[in-house]
Amino acid sequence: MPSSIQPKVALLSILSCDAAKGVLKLNPRQDEKVLITGMGVIGLPACYFLKYYVGVEHVDVVEPNKNRRDFAKNFGAKNIYDSEEKIIETYNYGFECSATNSGFHTL
């Protein structure tokens, strides 16, 4: 890694690339519904990539942390839930980005 690149920037670049690869591997259509659990360093770029690169119209998020829910809103999430019990939709695809058992079981 060149010394001019800060480690935080390099790590974020790698994680963003991993999120994009996951989205592209599933290849959702623009009219399909997607759920993301977790809005951390993988979930946020996945949400952004789904909305603004792939053009998926309906991306929902489950995130218990209020600050991260605010980020999800700014990144274009349609419905943002603080727990999986509140989900009323069904989805074509799900991305588990929370690294929690509850996030995995939600999908």
N, C-alpha and C. Protein backbone atom coordinates (compact mmCIF):
# COMPACT_ATOMS: atom_id res chain seq x y z
N MET A 1 0.84 -1.15 0.00
CA MET A 1 0.00 0.00 0.00
C MET A 1 0.90 1.23 0.00
N PRO A 2 0.65 2.19 -0.88
CA PRO A 2 1.46 3.41 -0.89
C PRO A 2 1.35 4.16 0.43
N SER A 3 2.43 4.76 0.85
CA SER A 3 2.44 5.48 2.13
C SER A 3 1.52 6.69 2.12
N SER A 4 1.13 7.16 0.94
CA SER A 4 0.24 8.33 0.86
C SER A 4 -1.22 7.97 1.17
N ILE A 5 -1.54 6.69 1.24
CA ILE A 5 -2.91 6.26 1.53
C ILE A 5 -3.00 5.87 3.00
N GLN A 6 -3.92 6.52 3.71
CA GLN A 6 -4.12 6.22 5.12
C GLN A 6 -4.74 4.82 5.27
N PRO A 7 -4.34 4.08 6.31
CA PRO A 7 -4.89 2.74 6.51
C PRO A 7 -6.42 2.71 6.58
N LYS A 8 -7.04 3.72 7.20
CA LYS A 8 -8.51 3.75 7.29
C LYS A 8 -9.14 3.85 5.91
N VAL A 9 -8.54 4.64 5.04
CA VAL A 9 -9.05 4.80 3.67
C VAL A 9 -8.88 3.50 2.90
N ALA A 10 -7.74 2.85 3.07
CA ALA A 10 -7.49 1.59 2.38
C ALA A 10 -8.49 0.52 2.83
N LEU A 11 -8.73 0.44 4.14
CA LEU A 11 -9.67 -0.55 4.66
C LEU A 11 -11.08 -0.28 4.16
N LEU A 12 -11.50 0.97 4.16
CA LEU A 12 -12.84 1.31 3.67
C LEU A 12 -12.98 0.97 2.19
N SER A 13 -11.92 1.18 1.43
CA SER A 13 -11.95 0.84 0.00
C SER A 13 -12.13 -0.66 -0.20
N ILE A 14 -11.42 -1.45 0.59
CA ILE A 14 -11.53 -2.91 0.48
C ILE A 14 -12.92 -3.37 0.88
N LEU A 15 -13.45 -2.85 1.99
CA LEU A 15 -14.77 -3.27 2.46
C LEU A 15 -15.87 -2.84 1.49
N SER A 16 -15.73 -1.65 0.91
CA SER A 16 -16.71 -1.20 -0.08
C SER A 16 -16.69 -2.11 -1.30
N CYS A 17 -15.51 -2.52 -1.70
CA CYS A 17 -15.38 -3.44 -2.84
C CYS A 17 -16.03 -4.78 -2.52
N ASP A 18 -15.84 -5.27 -1.29
CA ASP A 18 -16.46 -6.54 -0.89
C ASP A 18 -17.98 -6.43 -0.91
N ALA A 19 -18.52 -5.31 -0.43
CA ALA A 19 -19.97 -5.11 -0.44
C ALA A 19 -20.49 -5.09 -1.88
N ALA A 20 -19.79 -4.40 -2.75
CA ALA A 20 -20.21 -4.33 -4.16
C ALA A 20 -20.16 -5.70 -4.82
N LYS A 21 -19.13 -6.49 -4.51
CA LYS A 21 -19.04 -7.84 -5.09
C LYS A 21 -20.21 -8.71 -4.65
N GLY A 22 -20.62 -8.57 -3.39
CA GLY A 22 -21.77 -9.33 -2.90
C GLY A 22 -23.05 -8.95 -3.62
N VAL A 23 -23.25 -7.66 -3.83
CA VAL A 23 -24.43 -7.18 -4.55
C VAL A 23 -24.41 -7.70 -5.98
N LEU A 24 -23.29 -7.58 -6.64
CA LEU A 24 -23.20 -8.02 -8.04
C LEU A 24 -23.37 -9.53 -8.19
N LYS A 25 -22.92 -10.28 -7.18
CA LYS A 25 -23.07 -11.74 -7.25
C LYS A 25 -24.54 -12.14 -7.23
N LEU A 26 -25.35 -11.47 -6.40
CA LEU A 26 -26.78 -11.77 -6.37
C LEU A 26 -27.53 -11.15 -7.54
N ASN A 27 -27.02 -10.02 -8.02
CA ASN A 27 -27.56 -9.37 -9.22
C ASN A 27 -29.07 -9.11 -9.16
N PRO A 28 -29.54 -8.37 -8.12
CA PRO A 28 -30.97 -8.10 -8.04
C PRO A 28 -31.43 -7.16 -9.15
N ARG A 29 -32.68 -7.36 -9.58
CA ARG A 29 -33.28 -6.44 -10.54
C ARG A 29 -33.74 -5.18 -9.81
N GLN A 30 -33.95 -4.12 -10.57
CA GLN A 30 -34.36 -2.85 -9.98
C GLN A 30 -35.73 -2.93 -9.31
N ASP A 31 -36.59 -3.83 -9.76
CA ASP A 31 -37.93 -3.92 -9.19
C ASP A 31 -38.05 -4.95 -8.07
N GLU A 32 -36.95 -5.57 -7.66
CA GLU A 32 -36.99 -6.55 -6.58
C GLU A 32 -36.74 -5.88 -5.23
N LYS A 33 -37.24 -6.52 -4.17
CA LYS A 33 -37.09 -5.98 -2.81
C LYS A 33 -35.89 -6.63 -2.13
N VAL A 34 -35.10 -5.79 -1.45
CA VAL A 34 -33.89 -6.26 -0.77
C VAL A 34 -33.92 -5.80 0.68
N LEU A 35 -33.52 -6.69 1.59
CA LEU A 35 -33.39 -6.37 3.01
C LEU A 35 -31.92 -6.48 3.40
N ILE A 36 -31.45 -5.49 4.15
CA ILE A 36 -30.09 -5.51 4.69
C ILE A 36 -30.19 -5.48 6.21
N THR A 37 -29.52 -6.42 6.88
CA THR A 37 -29.43 -6.37 8.34
C THR A 37 -28.05 -5.84 8.70
N GLY A 38 -28.03 -4.69 9.37
CA GLY A 38 -26.78 -4.08 9.80
C GLY A 38 -26.32 -2.98 8.88
N MET A 39 -26.05 -1.82 9.46
CA MET A 39 -25.59 -0.66 8.69
C MET A 39 -24.21 -0.21 9.16
N GLY A 40 -23.30 -1.16 9.21
CA GLY A 40 -21.92 -0.87 9.55
C GLY A 40 -21.09 -0.68 8.29
N VAL A 41 -19.83 -1.07 8.37
CA VAL A 41 -18.89 -0.82 7.27
C VAL A 41 -19.14 -1.68 6.04
N ILE A 42 -19.98 -2.70 6.14
CA ILE A 42 -20.38 -3.48 4.97
C ILE A 42 -21.79 -3.11 4.54
N GLY A 43 -22.70 -2.98 5.49
CA GLY A 43 -24.10 -2.69 5.17
C GLY A 43 -24.31 -1.34 4.52
N LEU A 44 -23.61 -0.31 5.00
CA LEU A 44 -23.77 1.02 4.40
C LEU A 44 -23.36 1.06 2.94
N PRO A 45 -22.16 0.58 2.59
CA PRO A 45 -21.82 0.60 1.17
C PRO A 45 -22.70 -0.34 0.34
N ALA A 46 -23.17 -1.44 0.92
CA ALA A 46 -24.08 -2.32 0.19
C ALA A 46 -25.38 -1.59 -0.13
N CYS A 47 -25.91 -0.85 0.84
CA CYS A 47 -27.13 -0.06 0.63
C CYS A 47 -26.92 0.97 -0.46
N TYR A 48 -25.82 1.70 -0.37
CA TYR A 48 -25.53 2.73 -1.37
C TYR A 48 -25.40 2.11 -2.76
N PHE A 49 -24.66 1.02 -2.85
CA PHE A 49 -24.43 0.38 -4.14
C PHE A 49 -25.74 -0.13 -4.73
N LEU A 50 -26.58 -0.75 -3.91
CA LEU A 50 -27.89 -1.23 -4.38
C LEU A 50 -28.73 -0.09 -4.93
N LYS A 51 -28.78 1.01 -4.20
CA LYS A 51 -29.64 2.13 -4.59
C LYS A 51 -29.10 2.91 -5.78
N TYR A 52 -27.83 3.26 -5.74
CA TYR A 52 -27.32 4.25 -6.68
C TYR A 52 -26.47 3.69 -7.82
N TYR A 53 -26.07 2.44 -7.73
CA TYR A 53 -25.35 1.83 -8.84
C TYR A 53 -26.25 0.84 -9.58
N VAL A 54 -26.87 -0.07 -8.83
CA VAL A 54 -27.75 -1.06 -9.44
C VAL A 54 -29.12 -0.45 -9.73
N GLY A 55 -29.55 0.50 -8.89
CA GLY A 55 -30.85 1.15 -9.10
C GLY A 55 -32.02 0.41 -8.49
N VAL A 56 -31.76 -0.42 -7.47
CA VAL A 56 -32.85 -1.13 -6.80
C VAL A 56 -33.74 -0.11 -6.11
N GLU A 57 -35.02 -0.17 -6.38
CA GLU A 57 -35.96 0.82 -5.86
C GLU A 57 -36.33 0.59 -4.40
N HIS A 58 -36.38 -0.66 -3.97
CA HIS A 58 -36.88 -0.98 -2.63
C HIS A 58 -35.80 -1.68 -1.82
N VAL A 59 -35.09 -0.90 -1.00
CA VAL A 59 -34.08 -1.45 -0.09
C VAL A 59 -34.51 -1.09 1.33
N ASP A 60 -34.74 -2.11 2.16
CA ASP A 60 -35.10 -1.91 3.56
C ASP A 60 -33.93 -2.33 4.44
N VAL A 61 -33.94 -1.82 5.68
CA VAL A 61 -32.82 -2.03 6.59
C VAL A 61 -33.34 -2.38 7.98
N VAL A 62 -32.64 -3.30 8.64
CA VAL A 62 -32.84 -3.55 10.07
C VAL A 62 -31.56 -3.13 10.77
N GLU A 63 -31.67 -2.18 11.70
CA GLU A 63 -30.50 -1.67 12.43
C GLU A 63 -30.97 -1.14 13.78
N PRO A 64 -30.49 -1.73 14.89
CA PRO A 64 -30.93 -1.25 16.20
C PRO A 64 -30.33 0.10 16.62
N ASN A 65 -29.20 0.48 16.07
CA ASN A 65 -28.52 1.73 16.45
C ASN A 65 -29.12 2.92 15.71
N LYS A 66 -29.62 3.92 16.46
CA LYS A 66 -30.29 5.06 15.85
C LYS A 66 -29.38 5.84 14.90
N ASN A 67 -28.14 6.07 15.27
CA ASN A 67 -27.23 6.81 14.39
C ASN A 67 -27.05 6.09 13.05
N ARG A 68 -26.93 4.79 13.11
CA ARG A 68 -26.78 4.02 11.87
C ARG A 68 -28.07 3.99 11.07
N ARG A 69 -29.22 4.01 11.75
CA ARG A 69 -30.50 4.11 11.03
C ARG A 69 -30.57 5.43 10.27
N ASP A 70 -30.07 6.49 10.88
CA ASP A 70 -30.04 7.80 10.19
C ASP A 70 -29.18 7.73 8.94
N PHE A 71 -28.04 7.05 9.01
CA PHE A 71 -27.21 6.87 7.82
C PHE A 71 -27.96 6.11 6.74
N ALA A 72 -28.68 5.07 7.15
CA ALA A 72 -29.45 4.27 6.18
C ALA A 72 -30.46 5.14 5.44
N LYS A 73 -31.09 6.03 6.16
CA LYS A 73 -32.06 6.94 5.54
C LYS A 73 -31.35 7.83 4.52
N ASN A 74 -30.21 8.36 4.90
CA ASN A 74 -29.44 9.22 3.99
C ASN A 74 -28.91 8.46 2.78
N PHE A 75 -28.73 7.15 2.93
CA PHE A 75 -28.23 6.33 1.83
C PHE A 75 -29.35 5.78 0.97
N GLY A 76 -30.59 6.17 1.24
CA GLY A 76 -31.70 5.83 0.36
C GLY A 76 -32.57 4.66 0.76
N ALA A 77 -32.39 4.12 1.97
CA ALA A 77 -33.24 3.01 2.40
C ALA A 77 -34.70 3.46 2.46
N LYS A 78 -35.60 2.58 2.06
CA LYS A 78 -37.02 2.92 2.02
C LYS A 78 -37.66 2.78 3.40
N ASN A 79 -37.58 1.61 3.99
CA ASN A 79 -38.09 1.36 5.34
C ASN A 79 -36.93 0.96 6.23
N ILE A 80 -36.90 1.54 7.42
CA ILE A 80 -35.80 1.28 8.34
C ILE A 80 -36.40 0.81 9.66
N TYR A 81 -36.04 -0.39 10.06
CA TYR A 81 -36.60 -1.00 11.26
C TYR A 81 -35.53 -1.08 12.35
N ASP A 82 -35.96 -0.89 13.61
CA ASP A 82 -35.00 -1.03 14.71
C ASP A 82 -34.92 -2.47 15.23
N SER A 83 -35.86 -3.31 14.80
CA SER A 83 -35.79 -4.74 15.14
C SER A 83 -36.51 -5.55 14.08
N GLU A 84 -36.15 -6.82 14.00
CA GLU A 84 -36.72 -7.67 12.97
C GLU A 84 -38.20 -7.97 13.21
N GLU A 85 -38.67 -7.81 14.45
CA GLU A 85 -40.07 -8.09 14.74
C GLU A 85 -41.03 -7.14 14.02
N LYS A 86 -40.54 -6.01 13.60
CA LYS A 86 -41.40 -5.00 12.98
C LYS A 86 -41.51 -5.14 11.46
N ILE A 87 -40.78 -6.07 10.88
CA ILE A 87 -40.79 -6.23 9.42
C ILE A 87 -42.13 -6.81 8.97
N ILE A 88 -42.73 -6.15 7.99
CA ILE A 88 -44.01 -6.63 7.45
C ILE A 88 -43.90 -7.03 5.99
N GLU A 89 -42.77 -6.83 5.38
CA GLU A 89 -42.55 -7.11 3.95
C GLU A 89 -41.99 -8.53 3.76
N THR A 90 -42.02 -8.99 2.52
CA THR A 90 -41.25 -10.15 2.11
C THR A 90 -40.25 -9.66 1.07
N TYR A 91 -39.13 -10.36 0.96
CA TYR A 91 -38.02 -9.86 0.14
C TYR A 91 -37.53 -10.91 -0.84
N ASN A 92 -37.01 -10.43 -1.95
CA ASN A 92 -36.38 -11.30 -2.93
C ASN A 92 -34.96 -11.68 -2.52
N TYR A 93 -34.27 -10.74 -1.84
CA TYR A 93 -32.88 -10.94 -1.44
C TYR A 93 -32.65 -10.34 -0.07
N GLY A 94 -31.66 -10.89 0.62
CA GLY A 94 -31.25 -10.34 1.91
C GLY A 94 -29.74 -10.35 2.03
N PHE A 95 -29.21 -9.33 2.65
CA PHE A 95 -27.78 -9.21 2.91
C PHE A 95 -27.58 -9.14 4.42
N GLU A 96 -26.88 -10.11 4.99
CA GLU A 96 -26.60 -10.11 6.41
C GLU A 96 -25.28 -9.39 6.64
N CYS A 97 -25.37 -8.19 7.18
CA CYS A 97 -24.18 -7.36 7.39
C CYS A 97 -24.02 -6.96 8.85
N SER A 98 -24.76 -7.58 9.76
CA SER A 98 -24.71 -7.19 11.17
C SER A 98 -23.72 -8.02 11.98
N ALA A 99 -23.33 -9.17 11.47
CA ALA A 99 -22.44 -10.09 12.20
C ALA A 99 -23.07 -10.54 13.52
N THR A 100 -24.41 -10.68 13.52
CA THR A 100 -25.11 -11.15 14.71
C THR A 100 -25.98 -12.35 14.35
N ASN A 101 -26.24 -13.19 15.34
CA ASN A 101 -27.13 -14.33 15.11
C ASN A 101 -28.54 -13.87 14.76
N SER A 102 -29.01 -12.82 15.44
CA SER A 102 -30.37 -12.34 15.16
C SER A 102 -30.48 -11.80 13.74
N GLY A 103 -29.44 -11.14 13.26
CA GLY A 103 -29.44 -10.65 11.88
C GLY A 103 -29.50 -11.79 10.89
N PHE A 104 -28.75 -12.84 11.17
CA PHE A 104 -28.75 -14.02 10.29
C PHE A 104 -30.12 -14.69 10.29
N HIS A 105 -30.72 -14.84 11.47
CA HIS A 105 -32.02 -15.51 11.56
C HIS A 105 -33.14 -14.68 10.95
N THR A 106 -32.96 -13.37 10.89
CA THR A 106 -33.96 -12.51 10.25
C THR A 106 -34.11 -12.86 8.79
N LEU A 107 -33.00 -13.19 8.14
CA LEU A 107 -33.04 -13.50 6.72
C LEU A 107 -33.52 -14.92 6.49
